[in-house]
Amino acid sequence: MDTMFMKTNDSTMKLLQLAGCEIVIPTEQACCGALHGHSGEKNGAKELAKRNILAFEELGVDYIITNAGGCGAFLIE
């Protein structure tokens, strides 16, 4: 998302901040793995998902918000 849709990311964060949310972006966060999973690289996708799970668990966040529907759906799966 940062590569092609940085304006969308910035707008999403601004809106959440206006709504009173504290924004936390883990430095260990990686690609969600959706592209890997869709191309049949299931092991790579699982490793990326595990990395993200650990990154967010370590921060103890209340919610994980995404503005990329495909990525969000893949992570839920």
N, C-alpha and C. Protein backbone atom coordinates (compact mmCIF):
# COMPACT_ATOMS: atom_id res chain seq x y z
N MET A 1 0.83 -1.19 0.00
CA MET A 1 0.00 0.00 0.00
C MET A 1 0.87 1.25 0.00
N ASP A 2 1.98 1.22 0.74
CA ASP A 2 2.82 2.42 0.80
C ASP A 2 3.38 2.79 -0.56
N THR A 3 3.62 1.80 -1.40
CA THR A 3 4.25 2.06 -2.69
C THR A 3 3.33 2.83 -3.63
N MET A 4 2.08 2.39 -3.73
CA MET A 4 1.19 3.00 -4.72
C MET A 4 0.05 3.82 -4.11
N PHE A 5 -0.24 3.60 -2.83
CA PHE A 5 -1.41 4.24 -2.23
C PHE A 5 -1.07 4.94 -0.92
N MET A 6 0.06 5.61 -0.87
CA MET A 6 0.47 6.29 0.35
C MET A 6 -0.54 7.35 0.76
N LYS A 7 -1.15 8.03 -0.21
CA LYS A 7 -2.14 9.05 0.11
C LYS A 7 -3.34 8.41 0.82
N THR A 8 -3.72 7.22 0.40
CA THR A 8 -4.81 6.49 1.06
C THR A 8 -4.42 6.15 2.50
N ASN A 9 -3.21 5.68 2.69
CA ASN A 9 -2.73 5.37 4.04
C ASN A 9 -2.73 6.62 4.92
N ASP A 10 -2.21 7.71 4.39
CA ASP A 10 -2.15 8.96 5.16
C ASP A 10 -3.56 9.44 5.53
N SER A 11 -4.48 9.36 4.58
CA SER A 11 -5.85 9.78 4.84
C SER A 11 -6.53 8.89 5.88
N THR A 12 -6.26 7.60 5.80
CA THR A 12 -6.82 6.65 6.77
C THR A 12 -6.33 6.99 8.17
N MET A 13 -5.04 7.22 8.31
CA MET A 13 -4.49 7.55 9.63
C MET A 13 -5.05 8.87 10.16
N LYS A 14 -5.17 9.86 9.28
CA LYS A 14 -5.71 11.16 9.70
C LYS A 14 -7.15 11.01 10.19
N LEU A 15 -7.95 10.26 9.47
CA LEU A 15 -9.34 10.05 9.87
C LEU A 15 -9.43 9.33 11.22
N LEU A 16 -8.61 8.30 11.40
CA LEU A 16 -8.61 7.58 12.68
C LEU A 16 -8.17 8.48 13.83
N GLN A 17 -7.17 9.30 13.59
CA GLN A 17 -6.72 10.23 14.62
C GLN A 17 -7.81 11.24 14.97
N LEU A 18 -8.53 11.73 13.97
CA LEU A 18 -9.64 12.66 14.22
C LEU A 18 -10.74 11.99 15.03
N ALA A 19 -10.87 10.68 14.89
CA ALA A 19 -11.86 9.91 15.64
C ALA A 19 -11.36 9.55 17.04
N GLY A 20 -10.13 9.96 17.37
CA GLY A 20 -9.58 9.72 18.70
C GLY A 20 -8.76 8.47 18.86
N CYS A 21 -8.40 7.85 17.75
CA CYS A 21 -7.60 6.63 17.82
C CYS A 21 -6.11 6.94 17.91
N GLU A 22 -5.41 6.14 18.67
CA GLU A 22 -3.95 6.20 18.70
C GLU A 22 -3.44 5.23 17.64
N ILE A 23 -2.60 5.71 16.75
CA ILE A 23 -2.08 4.90 15.66
C ILE A 23 -0.76 4.28 16.07
N VAL A 24 -0.66 2.98 15.93
CA VAL A 24 0.57 2.26 16.23
C VAL A 24 0.90 1.38 15.03
N ILE A 25 2.06 1.56 14.46
CA ILE A 25 2.49 0.74 13.32
C ILE A 25 3.74 -0.02 13.76
N PRO A 26 3.62 -1.33 13.95
CA PRO A 26 4.78 -2.10 14.42
C PRO A 26 5.93 -2.07 13.41
N THR A 27 7.13 -1.88 13.90
CA THR A 27 8.28 -1.88 13.00
C THR A 27 8.51 -3.26 12.39
N GLU A 28 8.03 -4.31 13.08
CA GLU A 28 8.21 -5.68 12.59
C GLU A 28 7.13 -6.09 11.60
N GLN A 29 6.14 -5.23 11.37
CA GLN A 29 5.05 -5.56 10.45
C GLN A 29 5.62 -5.78 9.05
N ALA A 30 5.06 -6.78 8.35
CA ALA A 30 5.53 -7.11 7.01
C ALA A 30 4.33 -7.19 6.07
N CYS A 31 4.59 -7.53 4.85
CA CYS A 31 3.54 -7.82 3.88
C CYS A 31 2.63 -8.88 4.49
N CYS A 32 1.34 -8.80 4.21
CA CYS A 32 0.38 -9.74 4.79
C CYS A 32 0.54 -11.14 4.23
N GLY A 33 1.10 -11.28 3.06
CA GLY A 33 1.29 -12.59 2.45
C GLY A 33 0.21 -12.96 1.44
N ALA A 34 -0.76 -12.08 1.21
CA ALA A 34 -1.85 -12.40 0.29
C ALA A 34 -1.34 -12.72 -1.11
N LEU A 35 -0.42 -11.92 -1.60
CA LEU A 35 0.11 -12.18 -2.95
C LEU A 35 0.81 -13.53 -3.01
N HIS A 36 1.51 -13.87 -1.94
CA HIS A 36 2.17 -15.17 -1.89
C HIS A 36 1.13 -16.29 -1.91
N GLY A 37 0.12 -16.14 -1.07
CA GLY A 37 -0.93 -17.15 -0.98
C GLY A 37 -1.68 -17.34 -2.28
N HIS A 38 -2.01 -16.25 -2.95
CA HIS A 38 -2.75 -16.33 -4.21
C HIS A 38 -1.91 -16.96 -5.32
N SER A 39 -0.60 -16.86 -5.21
CA SER A 39 0.26 -17.45 -6.26
C SER A 39 0.72 -18.85 -5.89
N GLY A 40 0.15 -19.41 -4.82
CA GLY A 40 0.47 -20.79 -4.45
C GLY A 40 1.62 -20.97 -3.49
N GLU A 41 2.23 -19.89 -3.04
CA GLU A 41 3.35 -19.97 -2.10
C GLU A 41 2.82 -19.95 -0.67
N LYS A 42 2.09 -21.00 -0.29
CA LYS A 42 1.41 -21.05 1.01
C LYS A 42 2.37 -20.95 2.19
N ASN A 43 3.53 -21.60 2.11
CA ASN A 43 4.48 -21.54 3.23
C ASN A 43 4.98 -20.12 3.46
N GLY A 44 5.30 -19.41 2.39
CA GLY A 44 5.75 -18.03 2.52
C GLY A 44 4.65 -17.15 3.10
N ALA A 45 3.41 -17.40 2.66
CA ALA A 45 2.28 -16.63 3.16
C ALA A 45 2.08 -16.86 4.66
N LYS A 46 2.21 -18.10 5.09
CA LYS A 46 2.04 -18.43 6.51
C LYS A 46 3.13 -17.78 7.36
N GLU A 47 4.35 -17.77 6.86
CA GLU A 47 5.44 -17.15 7.61
C GLU A 47 5.22 -15.65 7.78
N LEU A 48 4.77 -14.99 6.72
CA LEU A 48 4.49 -13.55 6.81
C LEU A 48 3.33 -13.29 7.77
N ALA A 49 2.31 -14.12 7.70
CA ALA A 49 1.16 -13.95 8.61
C ALA A 49 1.61 -14.12 10.06
N LYS A 50 2.43 -15.14 10.33
CA LYS A 50 2.93 -15.37 11.69
C LYS A 50 3.74 -14.17 12.18
N ARG A 51 4.54 -13.61 11.30
CA ARG A 51 5.35 -12.44 11.66
C ARG A 51 4.46 -11.27 12.08
N ASN A 52 3.38 -11.06 11.34
CA ASN A 52 2.47 -9.97 11.67
C ASN A 52 1.70 -10.24 12.96
N ILE A 53 1.28 -11.47 13.16
CA ILE A 53 0.58 -11.84 14.39
C ILE A 53 1.47 -11.52 15.59
N LEU A 54 2.71 -11.94 15.54
CA LEU A 54 3.64 -11.66 16.65
C LEU A 54 3.86 -10.16 16.84
N ALA A 55 3.99 -9.44 15.74
CA ALA A 55 4.23 -7.99 15.83
C ALA A 55 3.10 -7.29 16.56
N PHE A 56 1.87 -7.66 16.26
CA PHE A 56 0.73 -7.01 16.89
C PHE A 56 0.48 -7.54 18.30
N GLU A 57 0.73 -8.83 18.53
CA GLU A 57 0.56 -9.38 19.88
C GLU A 57 1.52 -8.72 20.86
N GLU A 58 2.75 -8.49 20.43
CA GLU A 58 3.75 -7.89 21.31
C GLU A 58 3.36 -6.47 21.72
N LEU A 59 2.62 -5.76 20.88
CA LEU A 59 2.19 -4.41 21.21
C LEU A 59 0.91 -4.38 22.03
N GLY A 60 0.18 -5.47 22.04
CA GLY A 60 -1.06 -5.53 22.80
C GLY A 60 -2.13 -4.56 22.31
N VAL A 61 -2.24 -4.42 21.00
CA VAL A 61 -3.22 -3.49 20.44
C VAL A 61 -4.64 -3.99 20.64
N ASP A 62 -5.59 -3.05 20.66
CA ASP A 62 -7.00 -3.40 20.80
C ASP A 62 -7.61 -3.82 19.47
N TYR A 63 -7.21 -3.17 18.40
CA TYR A 63 -7.77 -3.43 17.08
C TYR A 63 -6.67 -3.38 16.03
N ILE A 64 -6.88 -4.13 14.97
CA ILE A 64 -6.02 -4.06 13.79
C ILE A 64 -6.91 -3.56 12.67
N ILE A 65 -6.55 -2.42 12.10
CA ILE A 65 -7.36 -1.81 11.05
C ILE A 65 -6.56 -1.82 9.76
N THR A 66 -7.21 -2.23 8.69
CA THR A 66 -6.57 -2.22 7.38
C THR A 66 -7.46 -1.48 6.39
N ASN A 67 -6.85 -0.83 5.44
CA ASN A 67 -7.60 -0.16 4.39
C ASN A 67 -7.42 -0.87 3.05
N ALA A 68 -6.89 -2.07 3.10
CA ALA A 68 -6.70 -2.89 1.90
C ALA A 68 -7.55 -4.16 2.06
N GLY A 69 -8.69 -4.18 1.38
CA GLY A 69 -9.65 -5.27 1.54
C GLY A 69 -9.08 -6.65 1.31
N GLY A 70 -8.29 -6.80 0.26
CA GLY A 70 -7.71 -8.11 -0.04
C GLY A 70 -6.75 -8.58 1.05
N CYS A 71 -5.97 -7.66 1.56
CA CYS A 71 -5.02 -7.99 2.62
C CYS A 71 -5.78 -8.37 3.90
N GLY A 72 -6.78 -7.59 4.24
CA GLY A 72 -7.56 -7.86 5.43
C GLY A 72 -8.26 -9.20 5.36
N ALA A 73 -8.86 -9.50 4.22
CA ALA A 73 -9.55 -10.78 4.06
C ALA A 73 -8.58 -11.94 4.17
N PHE A 74 -7.39 -11.78 3.60
CA PHE A 74 -6.39 -12.85 3.67
C PHE A 74 -5.93 -13.08 5.11
N LEU A 75 -5.71 -12.00 5.84
CA LEU A 75 -5.25 -12.14 7.22
C LEU A 75 -6.32 -12.79 8.11
N ILE A 76 -7.58 -12.49 7.85
CA ILE A 76 -8.64 -13.13 8.62
C ILE A 76 -8.64 -14.63 8.37
N GLU A 77 -8.42 -15.00 7.12
CA GLU A 77 -8.37 -16.42 6.76
C GLU A 77 -7.25 -17.11 7.48
